Amino acid sequence: MSDLFDKHYRRYDAWYDENKFTYLSELKAVKKVLPTEGYGLEIGAGSGRFTAPLDIAMGIDPSKNMLELARKRGVNAVSGTGEELPFKDATFDYVAIIVTLCFVQDPEKVIAESVRVLKPGGKIVIGIVDKESFLGKYYQEKGSMFYDHAHFFDIKEVLQMLIASGFGNFVCYQTIFNYPDKLNTVEKPRKGFGDGGFVMIRAAA
């Protein structure tokens, strides 16, 4: 998977400029659940489109070319995967996994590794394109260079993985209520899930 992102990293990164209102709407939803203080890690930091503006202290990604873009945006980024995080136990106050879970080889292991590197009571925030939403169904039917290789999840599946890893106290916010190419304004996130295509979940260890 990292080979795909390495080869087409510029095309991936350009999506955020081409779909500005979708990107800014997603950022706004992430801010609803992301802790405002503490030492954080983003797994799958990619080109730093979330890590940098959200001031997340550390990012990790397996794609060399994506990491170069992230570092140019000021991200403290290291090479690696979510399944084998190169960090000591109880290092971070929170872990963010934004639009990444659908691309990893072993999502349960990524969540387990998140537990390991979180301090007691730490938070995890996960952002996904909901498989059951209009947007998830659209991407699955339409396909794309990247989403053809994705394994989409619905919210219940993610919650079940989190519960199995000992997380609780769930909070969800949703956004993207229209197709990305139809958006002409930044959308206000709504609490819950079921209507928006993009959903952020926060849970506590």
N, C-alpha and C. Protein backbone atom coordinates (compact mmCIF):
# COMPACT_ATOMS: atom_id res chain seq x y z
N MET A 1 0.81 -1.21 0.00
CA MET A 1 0.00 0.00 0.00
C MET A 1 0.86 1.27 0.00
N SER A 2 1.98 1.26 0.75
CA SER A 2 2.85 2.43 0.78
C SER A 2 3.42 2.73 -0.60
N ASP A 3 3.62 1.68 -1.43
CA ASP A 3 4.12 1.88 -2.79
C ASP A 3 3.14 2.72 -3.60
N LEU A 4 1.84 2.46 -3.42
CA LEU A 4 0.81 3.21 -4.13
C LEU A 4 0.88 4.69 -3.76
N PHE A 5 0.99 4.97 -2.48
CA PHE A 5 1.03 6.36 -2.02
C PHE A 5 2.36 7.02 -2.38
N ASP A 6 3.44 6.26 -2.37
CA ASP A 6 4.74 6.79 -2.79
C ASP A 6 4.71 7.22 -4.25
N LYS A 7 4.10 6.41 -5.08
CA LYS A 7 4.08 6.68 -6.52
C LYS A 7 3.17 7.85 -6.86
N HIS A 8 2.05 7.94 -6.17
CA HIS A 8 1.04 8.94 -6.53
C HIS A 8 0.83 9.98 -5.41
N TYR A 9 1.90 10.27 -4.68
CA TYR A 9 1.77 11.15 -3.51
C TYR A 9 1.31 12.56 -3.87
N ARG A 10 1.77 13.07 -5.02
CA ARG A 10 1.36 14.42 -5.41
C ARG A 10 -0.13 14.46 -5.77
N ARG A 11 -0.59 13.43 -6.43
CA ARG A 11 -2.01 13.36 -6.79
C ARG A 11 -2.87 13.27 -5.53
N TYR A 12 -2.43 12.46 -4.57
CA TYR A 12 -3.17 12.34 -3.31
C TYR A 12 -3.23 13.69 -2.60
N ASP A 13 -2.09 14.34 -2.49
CA ASP A 13 -2.04 15.61 -1.77
C ASP A 13 -2.85 16.69 -2.45
N ALA A 14 -2.87 16.68 -3.78
CA ALA A 14 -3.62 17.69 -4.52
C ALA A 14 -5.12 17.62 -4.27
N TRP A 15 -5.61 16.44 -3.87
CA TRP A 15 -7.05 16.28 -3.61
C TRP A 15 -7.54 17.30 -2.59
N TYR A 16 -6.71 17.59 -1.61
CA TYR A 16 -7.13 18.50 -0.53
C TYR A 16 -7.32 19.93 -1.03
N ASP A 17 -6.55 20.32 -2.04
CA ASP A 17 -6.74 21.64 -2.64
C ASP A 17 -7.92 21.64 -3.61
N GLU A 18 -8.08 20.55 -4.34
CA GLU A 18 -9.16 20.45 -5.32
C GLU A 18 -10.53 20.33 -4.64
N ASN A 19 -10.54 19.81 -3.41
CA ASN A 19 -11.79 19.63 -2.65
C ASN A 19 -11.69 20.39 -1.33
N LYS A 20 -11.41 21.68 -1.45
CA LYS A 20 -11.11 22.52 -0.29
C LYS A 20 -12.20 22.50 0.77
N PHE A 21 -13.47 22.60 0.36
CA PHE A 21 -14.54 22.69 1.35
C PHE A 21 -14.76 21.36 2.07
N THR A 22 -14.54 20.26 1.36
CA THR A 22 -14.61 18.95 2.01
C THR A 22 -13.50 18.83 3.05
N TYR A 23 -12.30 19.18 2.66
CA TYR A 23 -11.15 19.12 3.57
C TYR A 23 -11.36 19.99 4.80
N LEU A 24 -11.78 21.24 4.60
CA LEU A 24 -11.98 22.14 5.74
C LEU A 24 -13.13 21.68 6.63
N SER A 25 -14.15 21.07 6.03
CA SER A 25 -15.25 20.52 6.83
C SER A 25 -14.76 19.36 7.69
N GLU A 26 -13.91 18.51 7.10
CA GLU A 26 -13.34 17.39 7.87
C GLU A 26 -12.47 17.91 9.01
N LEU A 27 -11.66 18.91 8.72
CA LEU A 27 -10.82 19.51 9.78
C LEU A 27 -11.67 20.01 10.94
N LYS A 28 -12.78 20.63 10.60
CA LYS A 28 -13.66 21.18 11.64
C LYS A 28 -14.25 20.06 12.50
N ALA A 29 -14.58 18.92 11.88
CA ALA A 29 -15.11 17.79 12.63
C ALA A 29 -14.03 17.16 13.52
N VAL A 30 -12.81 17.09 13.00
CA VAL A 30 -11.72 16.55 13.81
C VAL A 30 -11.52 17.39 15.07
N LYS A 31 -11.59 18.70 14.91
CA LYS A 31 -11.38 19.60 16.05
C LYS A 31 -12.42 19.40 17.14
N LYS A 32 -13.59 18.90 16.77
CA LYS A 32 -14.65 18.66 17.75
C LYS A 32 -14.27 17.57 18.76
N VAL A 33 -13.41 16.64 18.33
CA VAL A 33 -13.11 15.50 19.20
C VAL A 33 -11.64 15.43 19.61
N LEU A 34 -10.77 16.15 18.93
CA LEU A 34 -9.34 16.08 19.22
C LEU A 34 -9.02 16.81 20.52
N PRO A 35 -8.29 16.19 21.44
CA PRO A 35 -7.88 16.89 22.66
C PRO A 35 -7.12 18.17 22.33
N THR A 36 -7.35 19.21 23.08
CA THR A 36 -6.71 20.50 22.83
C THR A 36 -5.36 20.61 23.51
N GLU A 37 -5.05 19.66 24.38
CA GLU A 37 -3.77 19.67 25.09
C GLU A 37 -3.19 18.26 25.08
N GLY A 38 -1.90 18.16 25.34
CA GLY A 38 -1.26 16.85 25.45
C GLY A 38 -0.38 16.53 24.26
N TYR A 39 0.41 15.49 24.43
CA TYR A 39 1.37 15.03 23.43
C TYR A 39 0.68 14.00 22.55
N GLY A 40 0.53 14.33 21.25
CA GLY A 40 -0.27 13.49 20.37
C GLY A 40 0.52 12.85 19.25
N LEU A 41 -0.04 11.78 18.70
CA LEU A 41 0.52 11.05 17.56
C LEU A 41 -0.58 10.88 16.52
N GLU A 42 -0.24 11.13 15.24
CA GLU A 42 -1.15 10.75 14.16
C GLU A 42 -0.56 9.57 13.41
N ILE A 43 -1.30 8.47 13.41
CA ILE A 43 -0.92 7.28 12.64
C ILE A 43 -1.46 7.44 11.22
N GLY A 44 -0.58 7.31 10.24
CA GLY A 44 -0.98 7.57 8.86
C GLY A 44 -1.03 9.06 8.59
N ALA A 45 0.01 9.76 8.99
CA ALA A 45 0.05 11.22 8.85
C ALA A 45 0.06 11.66 7.40
N GLY A 46 0.50 10.78 6.51
CA GLY A 46 0.51 11.13 5.09
C GLY A 46 1.31 12.38 4.82
N SER A 47 0.73 13.31 4.07
CA SER A 47 1.41 14.54 3.71
C SER A 47 1.24 15.64 4.75
N GLY A 48 0.68 15.30 5.89
CA GLY A 48 0.57 16.26 7.00
C GLY A 48 -0.61 17.18 6.93
N ARG A 49 -1.59 16.85 6.10
CA ARG A 49 -2.75 17.74 5.91
C ARG A 49 -3.59 17.90 7.18
N PHE A 50 -3.54 16.92 8.08
CA PHE A 50 -4.22 17.05 9.37
C PHE A 50 -3.21 17.32 10.48
N THR A 51 -2.10 16.62 10.46
CA THR A 51 -1.09 16.74 11.52
C THR A 51 -0.65 18.18 11.70
N ALA A 52 -0.35 18.86 10.60
CA ALA A 52 0.20 20.22 10.69
C ALA A 52 -0.81 21.25 11.23
N PRO A 53 -1.98 21.42 10.61
CA PRO A 53 -2.89 22.45 11.10
C PRO A 53 -3.49 22.15 12.47
N LEU A 54 -3.48 20.89 12.87
CA LEU A 54 -4.02 20.52 14.18
C LEU A 54 -2.94 20.50 15.26
N ASP A 55 -1.71 20.82 14.88
CA ASP A 55 -0.59 20.88 15.83
C ASP A 55 -0.39 19.57 16.60
N ILE A 56 -0.54 18.46 15.89
CA ILE A 56 -0.26 17.16 16.51
C ILE A 56 1.26 16.98 16.55
N ALA A 57 1.79 16.63 17.70
CA ALA A 57 3.24 16.67 17.93
C ALA A 57 4.04 15.73 17.04
N MET A 58 3.49 14.57 16.75
CA MET A 58 4.25 13.53 16.05
C MET A 58 3.38 12.86 15.00
N GLY A 59 3.99 12.50 13.86
CA GLY A 59 3.28 11.75 12.83
C GLY A 59 4.10 10.56 12.39
N ILE A 60 3.42 9.52 11.92
CA ILE A 60 4.11 8.34 11.40
C ILE A 60 3.40 7.88 10.15
N ASP A 61 4.19 7.44 9.16
CA ASP A 61 3.62 6.97 7.90
C ASP A 61 4.66 6.11 7.19
N PRO A 62 4.24 5.08 6.44
CA PRO A 62 5.21 4.24 5.74
C PRO A 62 5.69 4.80 4.40
N SER A 63 5.03 5.86 3.90
CA SER A 63 5.38 6.39 2.58
C SER A 63 6.46 7.47 2.70
N LYS A 64 7.59 7.22 2.08
CA LYS A 64 8.72 8.15 2.12
C LYS A 64 8.36 9.49 1.50
N ASN A 65 7.72 9.47 0.34
CA ASN A 65 7.40 10.72 -0.35
C ASN A 65 6.34 11.53 0.38
N MET A 66 5.39 10.84 0.97
CA MET A 66 4.37 11.55 1.76
C MET A 66 5.01 12.21 2.97
N LEU A 67 5.95 11.50 3.61
CA LEU A 67 6.63 12.05 4.78
C LEU A 67 7.42 13.31 4.42
N GLU A 68 8.01 13.33 3.24
CA GLU A 68 8.76 14.52 2.81
C GLU A 68 7.84 15.73 2.73
N LEU A 69 6.62 15.53 2.20
CA LEU A 69 5.65 16.63 2.15
C LEU A 69 5.24 17.06 3.55
N ALA A 70 5.03 16.08 4.43
CA ALA A 70 4.64 16.39 5.80
C ALA A 70 5.71 17.21 6.50
N ARG A 71 6.96 16.82 6.32
CA ARG A 71 8.06 17.54 6.97
C ARG A 71 8.17 18.96 6.45
N LYS A 72 7.88 19.16 5.17
CA LYS A 72 7.88 20.51 4.61
C LYS A 72 6.79 21.37 5.25
N ARG A 73 5.76 20.71 5.76
CA ARG A 73 4.69 21.44 6.46
C ARG A 73 4.99 21.57 7.95
N GLY A 74 6.19 21.17 8.35
CA GLY A 74 6.60 21.36 9.74
C GLY A 74 6.27 20.21 10.66
N VAL A 75 5.86 19.07 10.11
CA VAL A 75 5.48 17.92 10.93
C VAL A 75 6.73 17.15 11.38
N ASN A 76 6.76 16.79 12.63
CA ASN A 76 7.80 15.90 13.16
C ASN A 76 7.37 14.48 12.81
N ALA A 77 7.83 13.98 11.67
CA ALA A 77 7.31 12.72 11.13
C ALA A 77 8.40 11.66 11.04
N VAL A 78 8.01 10.42 11.35
CA VAL A 78 8.93 9.29 11.27
C VAL A 78 8.33 8.21 10.39
N SER A 79 9.20 7.36 9.86
CA SER A 79 8.76 6.27 8.99
C SER A 79 8.36 5.07 9.83
N GLY A 80 7.23 4.45 9.47
CA GLY A 80 6.78 3.27 10.19
C GLY A 80 5.31 3.00 9.94
N THR A 81 4.83 1.92 10.51
CA THR A 81 3.43 1.53 10.35
C THR A 81 2.71 1.52 11.68
N GLY A 82 1.39 1.60 11.59
CA GLY A 82 0.58 1.56 12.80
C GLY A 82 0.60 0.22 13.50
N GLU A 83 0.93 -0.84 12.75
CA GLU A 83 0.96 -2.18 13.34
C GLU A 83 2.20 -2.40 14.22
N GLU A 84 3.24 -1.62 13.98
CA GLU A 84 4.48 -1.74 14.76
C GLU A 84 5.02 -0.36 15.07
N LEU A 85 4.41 0.32 16.01
CA LEU A 85 4.80 1.69 16.33
C LEU A 85 6.16 1.71 17.04
N PRO A 86 7.09 2.54 16.57
CA PRO A 86 8.43 2.60 17.16
C PRO A 86 8.52 3.53 18.36
N PHE A 87 7.57 3.38 19.28
CA PHE A 87 7.52 4.23 20.46
C PHE A 87 7.36 3.38 21.72
N LYS A 88 7.82 3.92 22.82
CA LYS A 88 7.72 3.20 24.10
C LYS A 88 6.28 3.19 24.60
N ASP A 89 6.01 2.29 25.50
CA ASP A 89 4.69 2.21 26.13
C ASP A 89 4.38 3.54 26.82
N ALA A 90 3.09 3.87 26.85
CA ALA A 90 2.59 5.03 27.62
C ALA A 90 3.33 6.32 27.26
N THR A 91 3.47 6.59 25.97
CA THR A 91 4.19 7.78 25.50
C THR A 91 3.26 8.96 25.23
N PHE A 92 2.07 8.69 24.71
CA PHE A 92 1.21 9.75 24.18
C PHE A 92 -0.06 9.95 25.00
N ASP A 93 -0.52 11.19 24.99
CA ASP A 93 -1.81 11.52 25.62
C ASP A 93 -2.98 11.19 24.71
N TYR A 94 -2.74 11.23 23.42
CA TYR A 94 -3.79 10.85 22.47
C TYR A 94 -3.17 10.35 21.16
N VAL A 95 -3.93 9.54 20.46
CA VAL A 95 -3.56 9.01 19.15
C VAL A 95 -4.68 9.33 18.18
N ALA A 96 -4.32 9.84 17.00
CA ALA A 96 -5.30 10.14 15.95
C ALA A 96 -5.07 9.22 14.76
N ILE A 97 -6.16 8.68 14.23
CA ILE A 97 -6.11 7.83 13.03
C ILE A 97 -7.19 8.36 12.09
N ILE A 98 -6.79 9.26 11.18
CA ILE A 98 -7.76 10.00 10.37
C ILE A 98 -7.67 9.55 8.92
N VAL A 99 -8.75 8.99 8.40
CA VAL A 99 -8.83 8.47 7.03
C VAL A 99 -7.66 7.50 6.76
N THR A 100 -7.35 6.66 7.72
CA THR A 100 -6.22 5.75 7.59
C THR A 100 -6.62 4.30 7.87
N LEU A 101 -7.58 4.10 8.75
CA LEU A 101 -7.93 2.75 9.18
C LEU A 101 -8.31 1.85 8.01
N CYS A 102 -8.93 2.44 7.00
CA CYS A 102 -9.37 1.64 5.85
C CYS A 102 -8.22 1.19 4.96
N PHE A 103 -7.03 1.74 5.18
CA PHE A 103 -5.88 1.40 4.34
C PHE A 103 -4.85 0.49 5.03
N VAL A 104 -4.98 0.27 6.33
CA VAL A 104 -3.98 -0.52 7.04
C VAL A 104 -4.23 -2.02 6.82
N GLN A 105 -3.18 -2.83 7.01
CA GLN A 105 -3.30 -4.26 6.82
C GLN A 105 -4.05 -4.93 7.96
N ASP A 106 -3.84 -4.45 9.19
CA ASP A 106 -4.42 -5.11 10.37
C ASP A 106 -4.97 -4.05 11.32
N PRO A 107 -6.22 -3.63 11.12
CA PRO A 107 -6.78 -2.55 11.93
C PRO A 107 -6.83 -2.86 13.43
N GLU A 108 -7.11 -4.12 13.78
CA GLU A 108 -7.15 -4.49 15.20
C GLU A 108 -5.78 -4.31 15.85
N LYS A 109 -4.73 -4.65 15.12
CA LYS A 109 -3.37 -4.50 15.66
C LYS A 109 -3.00 -3.03 15.79
N VAL A 110 -3.43 -2.22 14.84
CA VAL A 110 -3.18 -0.78 14.92
C VAL A 110 -3.83 -0.20 16.17
N ILE A 111 -5.04 -0.61 16.45
CA ILE A 111 -5.73 -0.13 17.65
C ILE A 111 -5.04 -0.66 18.91
N ALA A 112 -4.61 -1.91 18.88
CA ALA A 112 -3.89 -2.48 20.02
C ALA A 112 -2.57 -1.74 20.27
N GLU A 113 -1.87 -1.40 19.20
CA GLU A 113 -0.63 -0.63 19.34
C GLU A 113 -0.93 0.78 19.88
N SER A 114 -2.06 1.34 19.49
CA SER A 114 -2.46 2.64 20.01
C SER A 114 -2.66 2.56 21.52
N VAL A 115 -3.29 1.50 21.98
CA VAL A 115 -3.47 1.29 23.41
C VAL A 115 -2.11 1.24 24.11
N ARG A 116 -1.19 0.52 23.52
CA ARG A 116 0.13 0.34 24.15
C ARG A 116 0.86 1.67 24.33
N VAL A 117 0.81 2.54 23.32
CA VAL A 117 1.59 3.78 23.41
C VAL A 117 0.83 4.90 24.11
N LEU A 118 -0.45 4.68 24.43
CA LEU A 118 -1.22 5.69 25.15
C LEU A 118 -0.95 5.63 26.65
N LYS A 119 -0.92 6.80 27.26
CA LYS A 119 -0.85 6.87 28.71
C LYS A 119 -2.19 6.41 29.30
N PRO A 120 -2.22 5.99 30.55
CA PRO A 120 -3.49 5.60 31.17
C PRO A 120 -4.52 6.73 31.05
N GLY A 121 -5.70 6.38 30.59
CA GLY A 121 -6.74 7.38 30.40
C GLY A 121 -6.60 8.18 29.12
N GLY A 122 -5.65 7.80 28.27
CA GLY A 122 -5.44 8.51 27.01
C GLY A 122 -6.61 8.35 26.06
N LYS A 123 -6.63 9.20 25.04
CA LYS A 123 -7.74 9.22 24.09
C LYS A 123 -7.29 8.72 22.72
N ILE A 124 -8.21 8.12 22.00
CA ILE A 124 -8.01 7.78 20.60
C ILE A 124 -9.10 8.47 19.79
N VAL A 125 -8.73 9.05 18.66
CA VAL A 125 -9.72 9.66 17.77
C VAL A 125 -9.54 9.02 16.39
N ILE A 126 -10.62 8.57 15.83
CA ILE A 126 -10.59 7.87 14.55
C ILE A 126 -11.58 8.54 13.60
N GLY A 127 -11.10 8.85 12.39
CA GLY A 127 -11.96 9.43 11.37
C GLY A 127 -12.11 8.48 10.20
N ILE A 128 -13.34 8.21 9.80
CA ILE A 128 -13.58 7.29 8.69
C ILE A 128 -14.65 7.84 7.74
N VAL A 129 -14.58 7.38 6.50
CA VAL A 129 -15.72 7.49 5.59
C VAL A 129 -16.63 6.31 5.93
N ASP A 130 -17.79 6.60 6.46
CA ASP A 130 -18.72 5.57 6.91
C ASP A 130 -19.19 4.71 5.73
N LYS A 131 -18.93 3.43 5.81
CA LYS A 131 -19.29 2.50 4.74
C LYS A 131 -20.77 2.53 4.40
N GLU A 132 -21.60 2.76 5.41
CA GLU A 132 -23.05 2.74 5.22
C GLU A 132 -23.62 4.08 4.78
N SER A 133 -22.80 5.10 4.72
CA SER A 133 -23.29 6.44 4.33
C SER A 133 -23.38 6.55 2.82
N PHE A 134 -24.06 7.59 2.35
CA PHE A 134 -24.16 7.85 0.90
C PHE A 134 -22.77 8.00 0.29
N LEU A 135 -21.84 8.62 1.05
CA LEU A 135 -20.50 8.85 0.53
C LEU A 135 -19.69 7.56 0.47
N GLY A 136 -19.82 6.74 1.51
CA GLY A 136 -19.15 5.45 1.50
C GLY A 136 -19.61 4.58 0.36
N LYS A 137 -20.92 4.56 0.12
CA LYS A 137 -21.46 3.76 -0.98
C LYS A 137 -21.02 4.32 -2.33
N TYR A 138 -20.93 5.62 -2.42
CA TYR A 138 -20.48 6.27 -3.66
C TYR A 138 -19.04 5.88 -3.98
N TYR A 139 -18.16 5.96 -2.97
CA TYR A 139 -16.76 5.61 -3.20
C TYR A 139 -16.59 4.13 -3.53
N GLN A 140 -17.40 3.29 -2.88
CA GLN A 140 -17.29 1.86 -3.16
C GLN A 140 -17.76 1.53 -4.58
N GLU A 141 -18.77 2.24 -5.06
CA GLU A 141 -19.30 2.00 -6.40
C GLU A 141 -18.44 2.67 -7.48
N LYS A 142 -18.04 3.90 -7.22
CA LYS A 142 -17.28 4.67 -8.21
C LYS A 142 -15.84 4.20 -8.28
N GLY A 143 -15.26 3.93 -7.11
CA GLY A 143 -13.86 3.55 -7.07
C GLY A 143 -12.95 4.73 -7.31
N SER A 144 -11.68 4.54 -7.03
CA SER A 144 -10.66 5.56 -7.29
C SER A 144 -9.31 4.89 -7.17
N MET A 145 -8.28 5.59 -7.56
CA MET A 145 -6.94 5.04 -7.49
C MET A 145 -6.61 4.55 -6.09
N PHE A 146 -7.10 5.27 -5.07
CA PHE A 146 -6.78 4.94 -3.69
C PHE A 146 -7.87 4.09 -3.03
N TYR A 147 -9.13 4.48 -3.21
CA TYR A 147 -10.20 3.76 -2.53
C TYR A 147 -10.47 2.37 -3.11
N ASP A 148 -9.94 2.09 -4.29
CA ASP A 148 -10.03 0.72 -4.81
C ASP A 148 -9.28 -0.26 -3.92
N HIS A 149 -8.34 0.26 -3.13
CA HIS A 149 -7.52 -0.58 -2.25
C HIS A 149 -7.94 -0.47 -0.79
N ALA A 150 -9.05 0.21 -0.54
CA ALA A 150 -9.49 0.44 0.83
C ALA A 150 -10.46 -0.64 1.31
N HIS A 151 -10.46 -0.85 2.62
CA HIS A 151 -11.47 -1.70 3.25
C HIS A 151 -12.31 -0.79 4.14
N PHE A 152 -13.50 -0.44 3.65
CA PHE A 152 -14.34 0.50 4.38
C PHE A 152 -14.96 -0.15 5.62
N PHE A 153 -15.20 0.69 6.63
CA PHE A 153 -15.85 0.24 7.86
C PHE A 153 -17.08 1.08 8.12
N ASP A 154 -18.06 0.48 8.79
CA ASP A 154 -19.15 1.30 9.31
C ASP A 154 -18.85 1.62 10.77
N ILE A 155 -19.66 2.48 11.36
CA ILE A 155 -19.37 2.97 12.71
C ILE A 155 -19.43 1.85 13.74
N LYS A 156 -20.40 0.96 13.60
CA LYS A 156 -20.53 -0.13 14.58
C LYS A 156 -19.31 -1.02 14.57
N GLU A 157 -18.73 -1.26 13.40
CA GLU A 157 -17.53 -2.10 13.31
C GLU A 157 -16.36 -1.45 14.05
N VAL A 158 -16.21 -0.16 13.88
CA VAL A 158 -15.12 0.55 14.57
C VAL A 158 -15.35 0.56 16.07
N LEU A 159 -16.59 0.81 16.47
CA LEU A 159 -16.89 0.81 17.91
C LEU A 159 -16.63 -0.57 18.53
N GLN A 160 -16.96 -1.62 17.81
CA GLN A 160 -16.71 -2.98 18.32
C GLN A 160 -15.22 -3.24 18.50
N MET A 161 -14.39 -2.78 17.56
CA MET A 161 -12.94 -2.93 17.69
C MET A 161 -12.42 -2.14 18.90
N LEU A 162 -12.95 -0.96 19.09
CA LEU A 162 -12.51 -0.14 20.21
C LEU A 162 -12.92 -0.75 21.55
N ILE A 163 -14.14 -1.24 21.62
CA ILE A 163 -14.62 -1.88 22.86
C ILE A 163 -13.76 -3.10 23.17
N ALA A 164 -13.43 -3.89 22.14
CA ALA A 164 -12.61 -5.08 22.34
C ALA A 164 -11.22 -4.74 22.86
N SER A 165 -10.76 -3.51 22.59
CA SER A 165 -9.44 -3.08 23.06
C SER A 165 -9.51 -2.30 24.37
N GLY A 166 -10.71 -2.24 24.96
CA GLY A 166 -10.85 -1.63 26.28
C GLY A 166 -11.23 -0.16 26.28
N PHE A 167 -11.62 0.39 25.14
CA PHE A 167 -12.01 1.80 25.08
C PHE A 167 -13.48 1.97 25.44
N GLY A 168 -13.81 3.17 25.91
CA GLY A 168 -15.19 3.51 26.25
C GLY A 168 -15.40 5.01 26.15
N ASN A 169 -16.52 5.50 26.67
CA ASN A 169 -16.85 6.93 26.66
C ASN A 169 -16.79 7.51 25.24
N PHE A 170 -17.60 6.97 24.36
CA PHE A 170 -17.55 7.34 22.95
C PHE A 170 -18.28 8.66 22.68
N VAL A 171 -17.69 9.45 21.80
CA VAL A 171 -18.31 10.67 21.28
C VAL A 171 -18.12 10.67 19.77
N CYS A 172 -19.18 10.95 19.01
CA CYS A 172 -19.10 10.95 17.55
C CYS A 172 -19.59 12.28 16.98
N TYR A 173 -18.90 12.75 15.95
CA TYR A 173 -19.34 13.90 15.17
C TYR A 173 -19.27 13.55 13.69
N GLN A 174 -20.21 14.08 12.92
CA GLN A 174 -20.29 13.77 11.50
C GLN A 174 -20.32 15.05 10.67
N THR A 175 -19.83 14.91 9.44
CA THR A 175 -19.87 16.02 8.49
C THR A 175 -19.90 15.44 7.08
N ILE A 176 -19.84 16.30 6.09
CA ILE A 176 -19.96 15.97 4.66
C ILE A 176 -21.36 15.39 4.38
N PHE A 177 -22.28 16.30 4.14
CA PHE A 177 -23.67 15.94 3.89
C PHE A 177 -24.04 16.05 2.42
N ASN A 178 -23.03 16.30 1.60
CA ASN A 178 -23.23 16.35 0.15
C ASN A 178 -21.95 15.83 -0.51
N TYR A 179 -22.02 15.53 -1.78
CA TYR A 179 -20.85 15.01 -2.48
C TYR A 179 -19.76 16.08 -2.52
N PRO A 180 -18.49 15.67 -2.39
CA PRO A 180 -17.40 16.65 -2.33
C PRO A 180 -17.39 17.67 -3.46
N ASP A 181 -17.71 17.26 -4.68
CA ASP A 181 -17.67 18.20 -5.80
C ASP A 181 -18.88 19.14 -5.82
N LYS A 182 -19.82 18.91 -4.90
CA LYS A 182 -21.01 19.77 -4.81
C LYS A 182 -20.89 20.78 -3.66
N LEU A 183 -19.93 20.60 -2.78
CA LEU A 183 -19.80 21.49 -1.63
C LEU A 183 -19.24 22.84 -2.05
N ASN A 184 -19.86 23.91 -1.56
CA ASN A 184 -19.35 25.25 -1.84
C ASN A 184 -19.22 26.09 -0.58
N THR A 185 -19.25 25.40 0.58
CA THR A 185 -19.07 26.07 1.86
C THR A 185 -18.57 25.04 2.88
N VAL A 186 -18.00 25.53 3.97
CA VAL A 186 -17.54 24.64 5.03
C VAL A 186 -18.75 24.24 5.87
N GLU A 187 -18.94 22.95 6.02
CA GLU A 187 -20.10 22.45 6.76
C GLU A 187 -19.84 22.43 8.26
N LYS A 188 -20.90 22.66 9.01
CA LYS A 188 -20.82 22.60 10.46
C LYS A 188 -21.03 21.15 10.91
N PRO A 189 -20.10 20.58 11.69
CA PRO A 189 -20.28 19.20 12.13
C PRO A 189 -21.45 19.03 13.09
N ARG A 190 -22.09 17.88 13.00
CA ARG A 190 -23.21 17.57 13.88
C ARG A 190 -22.84 16.37 14.75
N LYS A 191 -23.35 16.37 15.94
CA LYS A 191 -23.09 15.26 16.85
C LYS A 191 -23.80 13.99 16.34
N GLY A 192 -23.17 12.85 16.57
CA GLY A 192 -23.75 11.58 16.19
C GLY A 192 -23.24 11.09 14.85
N PHE A 193 -23.95 10.14 14.28
CA PHE A 193 -23.59 9.60 12.97
C PHE A 193 -24.86 9.07 12.30
N GLY A 194 -24.75 8.78 11.00
CA GLY A 194 -25.90 8.23 10.28
C GLY A 194 -26.33 9.07 9.09
N ASP A 195 -25.94 10.35 9.09
CA ASP A 195 -26.28 11.24 7.97
C ASP A 195 -25.05 11.69 7.20
N GLY A 196 -23.98 11.99 7.91
CA GLY A 196 -22.76 12.48 7.27
C GLY A 196 -21.90 11.36 6.71
N GLY A 197 -21.15 11.70 5.65
CA GLY A 197 -20.28 10.70 5.04
C GLY A 197 -18.99 10.48 5.81
N PHE A 198 -18.54 11.53 6.52
CA PHE A 198 -17.29 11.47 7.29
C PHE A 198 -17.63 11.56 8.76
N VAL A 199 -17.12 10.62 9.54
CA VAL A 199 -17.45 10.54 10.98
C VAL A 199 -16.18 10.47 11.80
N MET A 200 -16.13 11.29 12.84
CA MET A 200 -15.04 11.25 13.82
C MET A 200 -15.54 10.61 15.11
N ILE A 201 -14.74 9.71 15.63
CA ILE A 201 -15.05 9.00 16.87
C ILE A 201 -13.94 9.27 17.89
N ARG A 202 -14.33 9.64 19.10
CA ARG A 202 -13.35 9.75 20.19
C ARG A 202 -13.70 8.74 21.28
N ALA A 203 -12.67 8.11 21.83
CA ALA A 203 -12.87 7.16 22.92
C ALA A 203 -11.72 7.27 23.91
N ALA A 204 -11.97 6.85 25.13
CA ALA A 204 -10.96 6.92 26.19
C ALA A 204 -10.51 5.53 26.58
N ALA A 205 -9.23 5.41 26.83
CA ALA A 205 -8.68 4.10 27.23
C ALA A 205 -9.05 3.79 28.69
